[in-house]
C-alpha atoms as a PDB file:
ATOM      1  CA  MET A   1     142.871 141.863 111.531  1.00  0.00           C
ATOM      2  CA  PRO A   2     140.070 139.413 110.698  1.00  0.00           C
ATOM      3  CA  THR A   3     137.502 140.611 108.264  1.00  0.00           C
ATOM      4  CA  SER A   4     133.845 140.586 109.192  1.00  0.00           C
ATOM      5  CA  SER A   5     131.470 138.174 107.519  1.00  0.00           C
ATOM      6  CA  PRO A   6     129.052 139.590 104.982  1.00  0.00           C
ATOM      7  CA  PRO A   7     125.547 140.183 106.333  1.00  0.00           C
ATOM      8  CA  SER A   8     123.050 137.382 105.947  1.00  0.00           C
ATOM      9  CA  PRO A   9     120.354 137.919 103.352  1.00  0.00           C
ATOM     10  CA  PRO A  10     116.869 138.756 104.650  1.00  0.00           C
ATOM     11  CA  ASP A  11     114.786 135.891 106.018  1.00  0.00           C
ATOM     12  CA  ARG A  12     112.278 135.884 103.178  1.00  0.00           C
ATOM     13  CA  PRO A  13     114.815 135.385 100.346  1.00  0.00           C
ATOM     14  CA  SER A  14     116.564 132.704 102.486  1.00  0.00           C
ATOM     15  CA  GLN A  15     113.284 130.854 102.811  1.00  0.00           C
ATOM     16  CA  ALA A  16     112.566 131.504  99.166  1.00  0.00           C
ATOM     17  CA  ARG A  17     115.895 129.894  98.247  1.00  0.00           C
ATOM     18  CA  LYS A  18     114.747 126.771 100.097  1.00  0.00           C
ATOM     19  CA  ASN A  19     111.444 126.985  98.259  1.00  0.00           C
ATOM     20  CA  LEU A  20     113.385 127.287  95.009  1.00  0.00           C
ATOM     21  CA  GLY A  21     115.079 123.968  95.701  1.00  0.00           C
ATOM     22  CA  THR A  22     111.713 122.453  96.487  1.00  0.00           C
ATOM     23  CA  ILE A  23     110.000 123.739  93.389  1.00  0.00           C
ATOM     24  CA  LEU A  24     112.722 122.373  91.119  1.00  0.00           C
ATOM     25  CA  THR A  25     112.466 118.871  92.605  1.00  0.00           C
ATOM     26  CA  LEU A  26     108.695 118.570  92.644  1.00  0.00           C
ATOM     27  CA  ASN A  27     107.234 116.044  90.252  1.00  0.00           C
ATOM     28  CA  PRO A  28     104.697 118.091  88.275  1.00  0.00           C
ATOM     29  CA  ASP A  29     102.739 114.934  87.496  1.00  0.00           C
ATOM     30  CA  THR A  30     101.936 114.404  91.172  1.00  0.00           C
ATOM     31  CA  ARG A  31     100.949 117.934  92.149  1.00  0.00           C
ATOM     32  CA  PRO A  32      97.274 119.004  92.190  1.00  0.00           C
ATOM     33  CA  VAL A  33      96.589 120.670  88.857  1.00  0.00           C
ATOM     34  CA  GLU A  34      94.582 123.439  90.500  1.00  0.00           C
ATOM     35  CA  ARG A  35      97.499 124.556  92.733  1.00  0.00           C
ATOM     36  CA  PHE A  36      99.006 127.684  91.203  1.00  0.00           C
ATOM     37  CA  LEU A  37     102.193 129.173  92.544  1.00  0.00           C
ATOM     38  CA  ARG A  38     101.100 132.483  94.082  1.00  0.00           C
ATOM     39  CA  LEU A  39     102.652 135.588  92.564  1.00  0.00           C
ATOM     40  CA  ASP A  40     104.118 136.681  95.904  1.00  0.00           C
ATOM     41  CA  GLU A  41     105.722 133.231  96.246  1.00  0.00           C
ATOM     42  CA  ALA A  42     107.060 133.434  92.707  1.00  0.00           C
ATOM     43  CA  TYR A  43     108.415 136.926  93.332  1.00  0.00           C
ATOM     44  CA  ALA A  44     110.287 135.801  96.468  1.00  0.00           C
ATOM     45  CA  ILE A  45     111.809 132.882  94.548  1.00  0.00           C
ATOM     46  CA  ALA A  46     112.876 135.139  91.661  1.00  0.00           C
ATOM     47  CA  VAL A  47     114.444 137.726  94.002  1.00  0.00           C
ATOM     48  CA  ALA A  48     116.332 134.981  95.866  1.00  0.00           C
ATOM     49  CA  ALA A  49     117.625 133.546  92.598  1.00  0.00           C
ATOM     50  CA  ASP A  50     118.566 136.978  91.259  1.00  0.00           C
ATOM     51  CA  ARG A  51     120.631 137.848  94.323  1.00  0.00           C
ATOM     52  CA  VAL A  52     122.942 134.870  93.838  1.00  0.00           C
ATOM     53  CA  ARG A  53     123.329 135.306  90.072  1.00  0.00           C
ATOM     54  CA  GLU A  54     125.580 137.557  88.012  1.00  0.00           C
ATOM     55  CA  PRO A  55     124.105 141.038  87.478  1.00  0.00           C
ATOM     56  CA  GLN A  56     122.471 141.739  84.155  1.00  0.00           C
ATOM     57  CA  SER A  57     125.149 142.655  81.634  1.00  0.00           C
ATOM     58  CA  ARG A  58     123.044 145.348  79.937  1.00  0.00           C
ATOM     59  CA  PRO A  59     120.245 147.692  81.066  1.00  0.00           C
ATOM     60  CA  GLY A  60     116.849 146.049  80.838  1.00  0.00           C
ATOM     61  CA  TYR A  61     114.939 143.342  82.677  1.00  0.00           C
ATOM     62  CA  ARG A  62     115.544 139.765  83.757  1.00  0.00           C
ATOM     63  CA  VAL A  63     112.327 137.797  83.238  1.00  0.00           C
ATOM     64  CA  TYR A  64     111.655 134.669  85.293  1.00  0.00           C
ATOM     65  CA  TRP A  65     108.804 132.278  84.579  1.00  0.00           C
ATOM     66  CA  MET A  66     107.860 129.335  86.728  1.00  0.00           C
ATOM     67  CA  ARG A  67     105.244 126.940  87.992  1.00  0.00           C
ATOM     68  CA  HIS A  68     105.468 123.989  90.356  1.00  0.00           C
ATOM     69  CA  GLY A  69     108.210 121.752  88.973  1.00  0.00           C
ATOM     70  CA  PHE A  70     109.622 124.289  86.508  1.00  0.00           C
ATOM     71  CA  PHE A  71     111.804 127.417  86.691  1.00  0.00           C
ATOM     72  CA  ALA A  72     113.582 129.410  83.945  1.00  0.00           C
ATOM     73  CA  SER A  73     114.752 132.915  83.132  1.00  0.00           C
ATOM     74  CA  ARG A  74     115.971 135.110  80.312  1.00  0.00           C
ATOM     75  CA  ASP A  75     117.549 138.560  80.129  1.00  0.00           C
ATOM     76  CA  VAL A  76     115.631 141.060  77.979  1.00  0.00           C
ATOM     77  CA  PRO A  77     117.917 144.036  77.233  1.00  0.00           C
ATOM     78  CA  ALA A  78     116.604 147.534  76.569  1.00  0.00           C
ATOM     79  CA  THR A  79     117.453 147.416  72.855  1.00  0.00           C
ATOM     80  CA  PRO A  80     115.204 147.542  69.759  1.00  0.00           C
ATOM     81  CA  ASP A  81     115.283 143.741  69.521  1.00  0.00           C
ATOM     82  CA  GLY A  82     115.026 143.284  73.298  1.00  0.00           C
ATOM     83  CA  TYR A  83     111.804 141.300  73.516  1.00  0.00           C
ATOM     84  CA  VAL A  84     110.455 137.786  73.945  1.00  0.00           C
ATOM     85  CA  ILE A  85     107.290 136.083  72.729  1.00  0.00           C
ATOM     86  CA  MET A  86     105.539 133.835  75.246  1.00  0.00           C
ATOM     87  CA  GLY A  87     103.203 131.116  74.034  1.00  0.00           C
ATOM     88  CA  ARG A  88     102.640 127.459  73.152  1.00  0.00           C
ATOM     89  CA  HIS A  89     104.192 127.523  69.684  1.00  0.00           C
ATOM     90  CA  THR A  90     107.584 125.827  69.504  1.00  0.00           C
ATOM     91  CA  SER A  91     109.076 128.902  67.819  1.00  0.00           C
ATOM     92  CA  CYS A  92     108.292 131.115  70.843  1.00  0.00           C
ATOM     93  CA  ASP A  93     111.206 132.466  72.885  1.00  0.00           C
ATOM     94  CA  VAL A  94     109.430 131.442  76.087  1.00  0.00           C
ATOM     95  CA  LEU A  95     107.575 128.173  75.594  1.00  0.00           C
ATOM     96  CA  ILE A  96     104.579 127.836  77.927  1.00  0.00           C
ATOM     97  CA  ASP A  97     103.074 124.428  77.345  1.00  0.00           C
ATOM     98  CA  ASP A  98      99.585 124.969  78.662  1.00  0.00           C
ATOM     99  CA  GLU A  99      96.962 123.998  76.101  1.00  0.00           C
ATOM    100  CA  ARG A 100      94.040 124.918  78.327  1.00  0.00           C
ATOM    101  CA  SER A 101      94.797 128.594  78.779  1.00  0.00           C
ATOM    102  CA  VAL A 102      97.698 129.761  76.576  1.00  0.00           C
ATOM    103  CA  SER A 103      97.518 130.695  72.898  1.00  0.00           C
ATOM    104  CA  LEU A 104     100.161 129.736  70.336  1.00  0.00           C
ATOM    105  CA  ARG A 105     101.576 133.274  70.496  1.00  0.00           C
ATOM    106  CA  HIS A 106     100.232 134.765  73.686  1.00  0.00           C
ATOM    107  CA  VAL A 107     102.083 137.933  74.770  1.00  0.00           C
ATOM    108  CA  LEU A 108     105.032 140.070  73.713  1.00  0.00           C
ATOM    109  CA  VAL A 109     107.287 141.199  76.570  1.00  0.00           C
ATOM    110  CA  ARG A 110     109.809 143.886  75.653  1.00  0.00           C
ATOM    111  CA  SER A 111     112.267 146.141  77.408  1.00  0.00           C
ATOM    112  CA  SER A 112     113.104 149.759  76.616  1.00  0.00           C
ATOM    113  CA  SER A 113     114.269 152.757  78.620  1.00  0.00           C
ATOM    114  CA  THR A 114     113.375 156.347  79.384  1.00  0.00           C
ATOM    115  CA  ASP A 115     115.565 159.269  78.326  1.00  0.00           C
ATOM    116  CA  ASP A 116     117.462 159.058  81.634  1.00  0.00           C
ATOM    117  CA  GLY A 117     118.104 155.315  81.287  1.00  0.00           C
ATOM    118  CA  LEU A 118     115.358 153.953  83.550  1.00  0.00           C
ATOM    119  CA  PRO A 119     114.377 150.425  82.379  1.00  0.00           C
ATOM    120  CA  VAL A 120     110.787 150.091  81.200  1.00  0.00           C
ATOM    121  CA  LEU A 121     108.927 146.824  80.629  1.00  0.00           C
ATOM    122  CA  SER A 122     106.033 146.523  78.167  1.00  0.00           C
ATOM    123  CA  VAL A 123     103.652 143.590  78.005  1.00  0.00           C
ATOM    124  CA  ILE A 124     101.295 143.402  75.013  1.00  0.00           C
ATOM    125  CA  ASP A 125      98.583 140.780  74.683  1.00  0.00           C
ATOM    126  CA  LEU A 126      98.660 139.345  71.141  1.00  0.00           C
ATOM    127  CA  LYS A 127      94.870 138.954  71.042  1.00  0.00           C
ATOM    128  CA  SER A 128      95.241 135.738  73.040  1.00  0.00           C
ATOM    129  CA  SER A 129      92.346 133.684  74.363  1.00  0.00           C
ATOM    130  CA  THR A 130      92.937 134.435  78.071  1.00  0.00           C
ATOM    131  CA  GLY A 131      95.385 137.368  78.296  1.00  0.00           C
ATOM    132  CA  PHE A 132      97.568 137.928  81.354  1.00  0.00           C
ATOM    133  CA  VAL A 133      96.725 138.759  84.978  1.00  0.00           C
ATOM    134  CA  LEU A 134      98.469 141.224  87.301  1.00  0.00           C
ATOM    135  CA  SER A 135      99.119 140.698  91.001  1.00  0.00           C
ATOM    136  CA  ASP A 136      95.980 142.663  91.939  1.00  0.00           C
ATOM    137  CA  GLY A 137      93.790 140.505  89.702  1.00  0.00           C
ATOM    138  CA  ALA A 138      93.509 143.077  86.906  1.00  0.00           C
ATOM    139  CA  LYS A 139      93.484 141.693  83.375  1.00  0.00           C
ATOM    140  CA  PRO A 140      94.754 144.474  81.080  1.00  0.00           C
ATOM    141  CA  HIS A 141      95.253 144.367  77.329  1.00  0.00           C
ATOM    142  CA  ALA A 142      98.710 145.961  77.571  1.00  0.00           C
ATOM    143  CA  ILE A 143     100.907 147.666  80.128  1.00  0.00           C
ATOM    144  CA  THR A 144     104.129 149.600  80.487  1.00  0.00           C
ATOM    145  CA  ALA A 145     105.847 149.342  83.842  1.00  0.00           C
ATOM    146  CA  THR A 146     108.843 150.519  85.834  1.00  0.00           C
ATOM    147  CA  GLY A 147     110.241 148.679  88.820  1.00  0.00           C
ATOM    148  CA  PRO A 148     109.739 144.973  89.556  1.00  0.00           C
ATOM    149  CA  ILE A 149     106.411 143.420  88.603  1.00  0.00           C
ATOM    150  CA  ALA A 150     104.746 140.011  88.544  1.00  0.00           C
ATOM    151  CA  PHE A 151     101.924 138.656  86.403  1.00  0.00           C
ATOM    152  CA  ARG A 152     100.422 135.354  85.360  1.00  0.00           C
ATOM    153  CA  VAL A 153     100.253 133.721  81.932  1.00  0.00           C
ATOM    154  CA  GLY A 154      98.156 130.576  82.097  1.00  0.00           C
ATOM    155  CA  THR A 155      99.471 128.404  84.944  1.00  0.00           C
ATOM    156  CA  HIS A 156     102.852 130.169  84.937  1.00  0.00           C
ATOM    157  CA  ALA A 157     103.926 133.000  87.202  1.00  0.00           C
ATOM    158  CA  VAL A 158     106.136 135.590  85.492  1.00  0.00           C
ATOM    159  CA  VAL A 159     108.406 137.937  87.454  1.00  0.00           C
ATOM    160  CA  ALA A 160     110.354 140.780  85.824  1.00  0.00           C
ATOM    161  CA  ILE A 161     113.249 142.376  87.711  1.00  0.00           C
ATOM    162  CA  PRO A 162     114.922 145.569  86.412  1.00  0.00           C
ATOM    163  CA  SER A 163     118.681 145.830  85.986  1.00  0.00           C
ATOM    164  CA  ALA A 164     118.977 149.127  87.881  1.00  0.00           C
ATOM    165  CA  GLY A 165     118.830 149.426  91.660  1.00  0.00           C
ATOM    166  CA  ARG A 166     117.830 147.208  94.541  1.00  0.00           C
ATOM    167  CA  VAL A 167     114.430 145.525  94.499  1.00  0.00           C
ATOM    168  CA  PRO A 168     112.185 145.016  97.542  1.00  0.00           C
ATOM    169  CA  SER A 169     112.221 141.598  99.207  1.00  0.00           C
ATOM    170  CA  GLU A 170     108.435 141.407  99.052  1.00  0.00           C
ATOM    171  CA  LEU A 171     106.281 141.900  95.990  1.00  0.00           C
ATOM    172  CA  PRO A 172     105.451 145.630  95.935  1.00  0.00           C
ATOM    173  CA  THR A 173     101.942 146.900  95.402  1.00  0.00           C
ATOM    174  CA  PRO A 174     102.232 148.843  92.141  1.00  0.00           C
ATOM    175  CA  LEU A 175     101.046 152.372  91.582  1.00  0.00           C
ATOM    176  CA  VAL A 176      98.543 152.001  88.752  1.00  0.00           C
ATOM    177  CA  ASP A 177      97.932 154.649  86.122  1.00  0.00           C
ATOM    178  CA  HIS A 178      95.468 154.553  83.233  1.00  0.00           C
ATOM    179  CA  GLU A 179      96.435 155.900  79.854  1.00  0.00           C
ATOM    180  CA  GLU A 180      92.840 156.924  79.191  1.00  0.00           C
ATOM    181  CA  ALA A 181      93.035 159.412  82.087  1.00  0.00           C
ATOM    182  CA  ARG A 182      95.843 161.364  80.442  1.00  0.00           C
ATOM    183  CA  GLY A 183      95.245 164.473  78.395  1.00  0.00           C
ATOM    184  CA  ALA A 184      95.519 164.935  74.671  1.00  0.00           C
ATOM    185  CA  ARG A 185      99.052 166.327  75.095  1.00  0.00           C
ATOM    186  CA  ASP A 186     100.288 162.777  75.864  1.00  0.00           C
ATOM    187  CA  ARG A 187      98.739 160.873  73.000  1.00  0.00           C
ATOM    188  CA  ASP A 188     101.643 161.198  70.590  1.00  0.00           C
ATOM    189  CA  LYS A 189     104.299 160.412  73.194  1.00  0.00           C
ATOM    190  CA  PRO A 190     105.836 156.920  73.270  1.00  0.00           C
ATOM    191  CA  HIS A 191     104.905 154.786  76.268  1.00  0.00           C
ATOM    192  CA  ALA A 192     108.328 154.951  77.912  1.00  0.00           C
ATOM    193  CA  VAL A 193     108.203 158.736  78.007  1.00  0.00           C
ATOM    194  CA  ARG A 194     104.646 158.829  79.381  1.00  0.00           C
ATOM    195  CA  LEU A 195     105.933 157.198  82.535  1.00  0.00           C
ATOM    196  CA  GLN A 196     108.283 160.125  83.157  1.00  0.00           C
ATOM    197  CA  ASP A 197     105.378 162.561  83.287  1.00  0.00           C
ATOM    198  CA  ALA A 198     104.169 160.943  86.503  1.00  0.00           C
ATOM    199  CA  LYS A 199     107.484 161.651  88.308  1.00  0.00           C
ATOM    200  CA  PRO A 200     107.587 158.375  90.302  1.00  0.00           C
ATOM    201  CA  GLY A 201     110.819 159.418  92.039  1.00  0.00           C
ATOM    202  CA  PHE A 202     113.229 156.812  90.722  1.00  0.00           C
ATOM    203  CA  SER A 203     116.958 157.281  91.146  1.00  0.00           C
ATOM    204  CA  HIS A 204     119.951 155.154  90.268  1.00  0.00           C
ATOM    205  CA  ASP A 205     121.130 154.573  93.833  1.00  0.00           C
ATOM    206  CA  ASP A 206     120.513 151.462  95.961  1.00  0.00           C
ATOM    207  CA  SER A 207     117.102 152.484  97.284  1.00  0.00           C
ATOM    208  CA  PRO A 208     114.325 149.937  96.766  1.00  0.00           C
ATOM    209  CA  ARG A 209     112.437 150.332  93.511  1.00  0.00           C
ATOM    210  CA  PRO A 210     108.707 150.908  93.716  1.00  0.00           C
ATOM    211  CA  SER A 211     106.584 149.662  90.847  1.00  0.00           C
ATOM    212  CA  ARG A 212     104.444 151.752  88.555  1.00  0.00           C
ATOM    213  CA  ILE A 213     102.167 150.261  85.927  1.00  0.00           C
ATOM    214  CA  THR A 214     100.437 152.200  83.170  1.00  0.00           C
ATOM    215  CA  MET A 215      97.474 150.420  81.610  1.00  0.00           C
ATOM    216  CA  THR A 216      97.497 151.053  77.867  1.00  0.00           C
ATOM    217  CA  SER A 217      95.108 150.387  75.017  1.00  0.00           C
ATOM    218  CA  PRO A 218      95.104 147.015  73.239  1.00  0.00           C
ATOM    219  CA  ALA A 219      97.003 146.336  70.052  1.00  0.00           C
ATOM    220  CA  VAL A 220      94.990 146.932  66.871  1.00  0.00           C
ATOM    221  CA  ASP A 221      94.547 144.084  64.417  1.00  0.00           C
ATOM    222  CA  LEU A 222      95.233 145.157  60.854  1.00  0.00           C
ATOM    223  CA  GLY A 223      91.809 144.043  59.637  1.00  0.00           C
ATOM    224  CA  ALA A 224      90.082 146.434  62.047  1.00  0.00           C
ATOM    225  CA  ARG A 225      91.182 149.358  59.876  1.00  0.00           C
ATOM    226  CA  ARG A 226      89.726 147.841  56.679  1.00  0.00           C
ATOM    227  CA  SER A 227      91.762 147.506  53.516  1.00  0.00           C
ATOM    228  CA  THR A 228      91.113 148.935  50.089  1.00  0.00           C
ATOM    229  CA  TRP A 229      92.444 147.869  46.706  1.00  0.00           C
ATOM    230  CA  SER A 230      95.034 150.021  44.932  1.00  0.00           C
ATOM    231  CA  ASP A 231      93.112 149.850  41.650  1.00  0.00           C
ATOM    232  CA  ALA A 232      92.210 153.328  40.427  1.00  0.00           C
ATOM    233  CA  ALA A 233      92.295 155.929  43.223  1.00  0.00           C
ATOM    234  CA  PRO A 234      91.823 154.265  46.640  1.00  0.00           C
ATOM    235  CA  SER A 235      89.494 156.081  48.996  1.00  0.00           C
ATOM    236  CA  PHE A 236      89.626 155.898  52.773  1.00  0.00           C
ATOM    237  CA  ALA A 237      86.920 156.692  55.273  1.00  0.00           C
ATOM    238  CA  PRO A 238      87.922 158.804  58.303  1.00  0.00           C
ATOM    239  CA  SER A 239      89.537 156.852  61.151  1.00  0.00           C
ATOM    240  CA  PRO A 240      87.164 155.499  63.839  1.00  0.00           C
ATOM    241  CA  THR A 241      88.701 157.841  66.418  1.00  0.00           C
ATOM    242  CA  GLY A 242      88.724 160.943  64.220  1.00  0.00           C
ATOM    243  CA  GLU A 243      92.518 161.063  64.265  1.00  0.00           C
ATOM    244  CA  PRO A 244      94.178 161.747  60.922  1.00  0.00           C
ATOM    245  CA  TRP A 245      95.740 158.853  59.083  1.00  0.00           C
ATOM    246  CA  ALA A 246      99.500 158.911  59.726  1.00  0.00           C
ATOM    247  CA  TYR A 247     100.876 155.715  58.176  1.00  0.00           C
ATOM    248  CA  GLU A 248     100.111 153.431  55.253  1.00  0.00           C
ATOM    249  CA  ILE A 249     100.776 149.722  54.787  1.00  0.00           C
ATOM    250  CA  ALA A 250     100.485 148.023  51.415  1.00  0.00           C
ATOM    251  CA  LEU A 251     100.507 144.228  51.123  1.00  0.00           C
ATOM    252  CA  GLU A 252     101.038 142.297  47.910  1.00  0.00           C
ATOM    253  CA  PRO A 253     101.656 138.595  47.211  1.00  0.00           C
ATOM    254  CA  MET A 254     105.041 137.466  45.901  1.00  0.00           C
ATOM    255  CA  ALA A 255     103.405 134.957  43.583  1.00  0.00           C
ATOM    256  CA  GLY A 256     100.188 134.862  41.610  1.00  0.00           C
ATOM    257  CA  ALA A 257      98.147 137.658  40.103  1.00  0.00           C
ATOM    258  CA  PRO A 258      99.498 141.140  40.929  1.00  0.00           C
ATOM    259  CA  ARG A 259      97.226 142.888  43.395  1.00  0.00           C
ATOM    260  CA  ARG A 260      97.715 145.145  46.381  1.00  0.00           C
ATOM    261  CA  ALA A 261      95.673 145.777  49.534  1.00  0.00           C
ATOM    262  CA  ILE A 262      96.266 149.059  51.382  1.00  0.00           C
ATOM    263  CA  VAL A 263      95.548 149.854  55.029  1.00  0.00           C
ATOM    264  CA  ARG A 264      95.947 153.209  56.761  1.00  0.00           C
ATOM    265  CA  LEU A 265      96.807 153.687  60.436  1.00  0.00           C
ATOM    266  CA  THR A 266      96.754 156.533  62.938  1.00  0.00           C
ATOM    267  CA  ALA A 267      99.662 157.520  65.168  1.00  0.00           C
ATOM    268  CA  SER A 268      97.794 156.015  68.137  1.00  0.00           C
ATOM    269  CA  ASP A 269      97.432 152.724  66.277  1.00  0.00           C
ATOM    270  CA  VAL A 270     101.183 152.294  65.950  1.00  0.00           C
ATOM    271  CA  ASP A 271     101.798 153.561  69.499  1.00  0.00           C
ATOM    272  CA  HIS A 272      99.638 150.715  70.803  1.00  0.00           C
ATOM    273  CA  GLY A 273     100.808 148.147  68.266  1.00  0.00           C
ATOM    274  CA  VAL A 274      99.334 146.745  65.054  1.00  0.00           C
ATOM    275  CA  LEU A 275      99.072 142.979  64.581  1.00  0.00           C
ATOM    276  CA  ILE A 276      99.617 141.430  61.157  1.00  0.00           C
ATOM    277  CA  GLY A 277      98.673 137.846  60.319  1.00  0.00           C
ATOM    278  CA  ARG A 278      96.124 135.643  58.627  1.00  0.00           C
ATOM    279  CA  ALA A 279      94.053 134.846  61.731  1.00  0.00           C
ATOM    280  CA  ASP A 280      90.442 135.992  61.554  1.00  0.00           C
ATOM    281  CA  LYS A 281      91.216 138.592  64.240  1.00  0.00           C
ATOM    282  CA  CYS A 282      93.836 140.213  61.986  1.00  0.00           C
ATOM    283  CA  VAL A 283      92.259 140.415  58.534  1.00  0.00           C
ATOM    284  CA  ASP A 284      89.304 141.635  56.526  1.00  0.00           C
ATOM    285  CA  ASP A 285      88.229 140.124  53.195  1.00  0.00           C
ATOM    286  CA  GLY A 286      90.806 142.081  51.196  1.00  0.00           C
ATOM    287  CA  LEU A 287      93.724 141.104  53.396  1.00  0.00           C
ATOM    288  CA  ARG A 288      92.560 137.491  53.569  1.00  0.00           C
ATOM    289  CA  SER A 289      93.033 137.155  49.827  1.00  0.00           C
ATOM    290  CA  ILE A 290      96.631 138.434  50.138  1.00  0.00           C
ATOM    291  CA  LEU A 291      97.910 136.604  53.222  1.00  0.00           C
ATOM    292  CA  ASN A 292      98.444 132.959  52.244  1.00  0.00           C
ATOM    293  CA  ASP A 293      99.042 129.989  54.529  1.00  0.00           C
ATOM    294  CA  GLN A 294     102.821 130.591  54.551  1.00  0.00           C
ATOM    295  CA  VAL A 295     102.137 133.609  56.768  1.00  0.00           C
ATOM    296  CA  SER A 296     101.551 132.741  60.428  1.00  0.00           C
ATOM    297  CA  ARG A 297      98.199 133.369  62.037  1.00  0.00           C
ATOM    298  CA  VAL A 298      99.851 136.089  64.120  1.00  0.00           C
ATOM    299  CA  HIS A 299     103.040 136.905  62.244  1.00  0.00           C
ATOM    300  CA  ALA A 300     104.269 140.394  63.161  1.00  0.00           C
ATOM    301  CA  LEU A 301     103.610 143.491  65.238  1.00  0.00           C
ATOM    302  CA  ILE A 302     104.286 147.080  64.198  1.00  0.00           C
ATOM    303  CA  LEU A 303     104.995 149.354  67.154  1.00  0.00           C
ATOM    304  CA  ARG A 304     106.227 152.932  67.567  1.00  0.00           C
ATOM    305  CA  ASP A 305     108.451 153.834  70.506  1.00  0.00           C
ATOM    306  CA  ARG A 306     110.194 157.177  71.045  1.00  0.00           C
ATOM    307  CA  GLY A 307     109.154 158.275  67.561  1.00  0.00           C
ATOM    308  CA  GLN A 308     110.629 155.236  65.766  1.00  0.00           C
ATOM    309  CA  CYS A 309     108.508 152.481  64.236  1.00  0.00           C
ATOM    310  CA  HIS A 310     109.702 148.875  64.244  1.00  0.00           C
ATOM    311  CA  LEU A 311     108.257 145.656  62.896  1.00  0.00           C
ATOM    312  CA  TYR A 312     108.648 142.767  65.347  1.00  0.00           C
ATOM    313  CA  ASP A 313     108.455 139.166  64.219  1.00  0.00           C
ATOM    314  CA  VAL A 314     106.267 137.452  66.832  1.00  0.00           C
ATOM    315  CA  ALA A 315     107.720 133.932  66.607  1.00  0.00           C
ATOM    316  CA  SER A 316     106.372 133.305  63.091  1.00  0.00           C
ATOM    317  CA  SER A 317     106.902 129.859  61.586  1.00  0.00           C
ATOM    318  CA  ASN A 318     108.489 131.013  58.315  1.00  0.00           C
ATOM    319  CA  GLY A 319     110.189 134.216  59.398  1.00  0.00           C
ATOM    320  CA  THR A 320     110.362 137.897  58.497  1.00  0.00           C
ATOM    321  CA  PHE A 321     113.021 139.274  56.144  1.00  0.00           C
ATOM    322  CA  ASP A 322     114.471 142.719  55.539  1.00  0.00           C
ATOM    323  CA  GLU A 323     115.097 144.364  52.165  1.00  0.00           C
ATOM    324  CA  ARG A 324     118.320 142.366  51.794  1.00  0.00           C
ATOM    325  CA  ARG A 325     116.372 139.163  52.462  1.00  0.00           C
ATOM    326  CA  ASN A 326     118.099 138.584  55.789  1.00  0.00           C
ATOM    327  CA  ARG A 327     115.894 136.952  58.387  1.00  0.00           C
ATOM    328  CA  SER A 328     115.315 139.389  61.224  1.00  0.00           C
ATOM    329  CA  ARG A 329     113.441 139.536  64.524  1.00  0.00           C
ATOM    330  CA  CYS A 330     113.164 143.319  64.468  1.00  0.00           C
ATOM    331  CA  ILE A 331     113.236 145.701  61.499  1.00  0.00           C
ATOM    332  CA  ALA A 332     113.351 149.500  61.766  1.00  0.00           C
ATOM    333  CA  LEU A 333     110.692 151.130  59.567  1.00  0.00           C
ATOM    334  CA  ASP A 334     111.667 154.356  57.847  1.00  0.00           C
ATOM    335  CA  ASP A 335     109.078 157.103  57.499  1.00  0.00           C
ATOM    336  CA  ASP A 336     110.104 157.513  53.858  1.00  0.00           C
ATOM    337  CA  GLY A 337     109.355 153.874  53.137  1.00  0.00           C
ATOM    338  CA  THR A 338     110.531 150.359  54.041  1.00  0.00           C
ATOM    339  CA  SER A 339     109.754 147.028  52.407  1.00  0.00           C
ATOM    340  CA  VAL A 340     109.632 143.791  54.402  1.00  0.00           C
ATOM    341  CA  ARG A 341     109.010 140.195  53.372  1.00  0.00           C
ATOM    342  CA  LEU A 342     106.717 138.047  55.465  1.00  0.00           C
ATOM    343  CA  VAL A 343     108.246 134.665  54.484  1.00  0.00           C
ATOM    344  CA  ARG A 344     111.253 134.574  52.138  1.00  0.00           C
ATOM    345  CA  VAL A 345     109.612 132.837  49.143  1.00  0.00           C
ATOM    346  CA  ASN A 346     105.930 132.683  48.133  1.00  0.00           C
ATOM    347  CA  GLY A 347     104.956 134.906  51.012  1.00  0.00           C
ATOM    348  CA  VAL A 348     103.872 138.531  51.133  1.00  0.00           C
ATOM    349  CA  CYS A 349     105.665 141.848  50.600  1.00  0.00           C
ATOM    350  CA  LEU A 350     104.772 144.556  53.093  1.00  0.00           C
ATOM    351  CA  HIS A 351     105.475 148.182  52.190  1.00  0.00           C
ATOM    352  CA  PHE A 352     105.384 150.729  55.014  1.00  0.00           C
ATOM    353  CA  ARG A 353     105.510 154.531  54.793  1.00  0.00           C
ATOM    354  CA  SER A 354     104.519 157.628  56.736  1.00  0.00           C
ATOM    355  CA  LEU A 355     101.880 159.946  55.300  1.00  0.00           C
ATOM    356  CA  VAL A 356     103.036 162.948  57.304  1.00  0.00           C
ATOM    357  CA  LYS A 357     106.170 164.121  59.052  1.00  0.00           C
ATOM    358  CA  LEU A 358     105.506 163.372  62.702  1.00  0.00           C
ATOM    359  CA  HIS A 359     108.811 164.485  64.196  1.00  0.00           C
END
């Protein structure tokens, strides 16, 4: 008995596949510079490409980025080191060569999961010059999202497709939530768990995945919390938000006169992310005297997720090293204390510890 032919894919992805061939053959030098690929166009192209590719091998997201004449993708698994840095610097995981509107290290895009295995995507602006833009025109500092989403970085359209379930053929209108609207009971919960509180109705069958985006607060630059010297007994003013100090970071140079600058952070600070680097946006006078030119302008990000703090290298030029001096993209930070090297030699030692037992 003859077998029936498989059903044809929907019209939109079929057309998008044709568009995909067109976009890859366009000469970017001849296109009008003001013509951006619309996010709904980019989404259709990404969905068409994803349907003819091998499924993602691990839970997480597949991230596509494109503009006229260029198309690329990368899987971002839901693991502690499952993240990419987008920007102009050649050390970035996703190189976006757009001098007019993209910073050297522009955004961090990471994947995690909820307790029941639902993939979650986080996008954190690294204090860039222009940020990123969602499909509705919003320009948040940071988001966590479930389901497929699209956003723009400079002239590039970025589409993120989750590993679990079927995605809609057309770019869905996301349900938008604001972290600020949540009660105090949520403030100490990691972002991935906050999304569960809203009960968006996800399941692991083949039903189309809606999108939910939670707008979150921006990452804190280390200099915003003001450092103090360790000479004598350091004193700390109350935190700007009135929250108790929960963590402490001490920085000291590997070479030169021994000195140590100390910064304290709240639990909310590390939930939203704390940027470390020698850029003006990251330091005060005390930190500036510690962080030498071997440290990148934006070198690392400390972030807490599901009760665990990690230090993420954000495509630094000279690397980040664990206590065994192994270069690492992501280092777990122990509440009882962890030491990290920003640069292997002639850089800075960072000592991290919790001031209270948070869990």
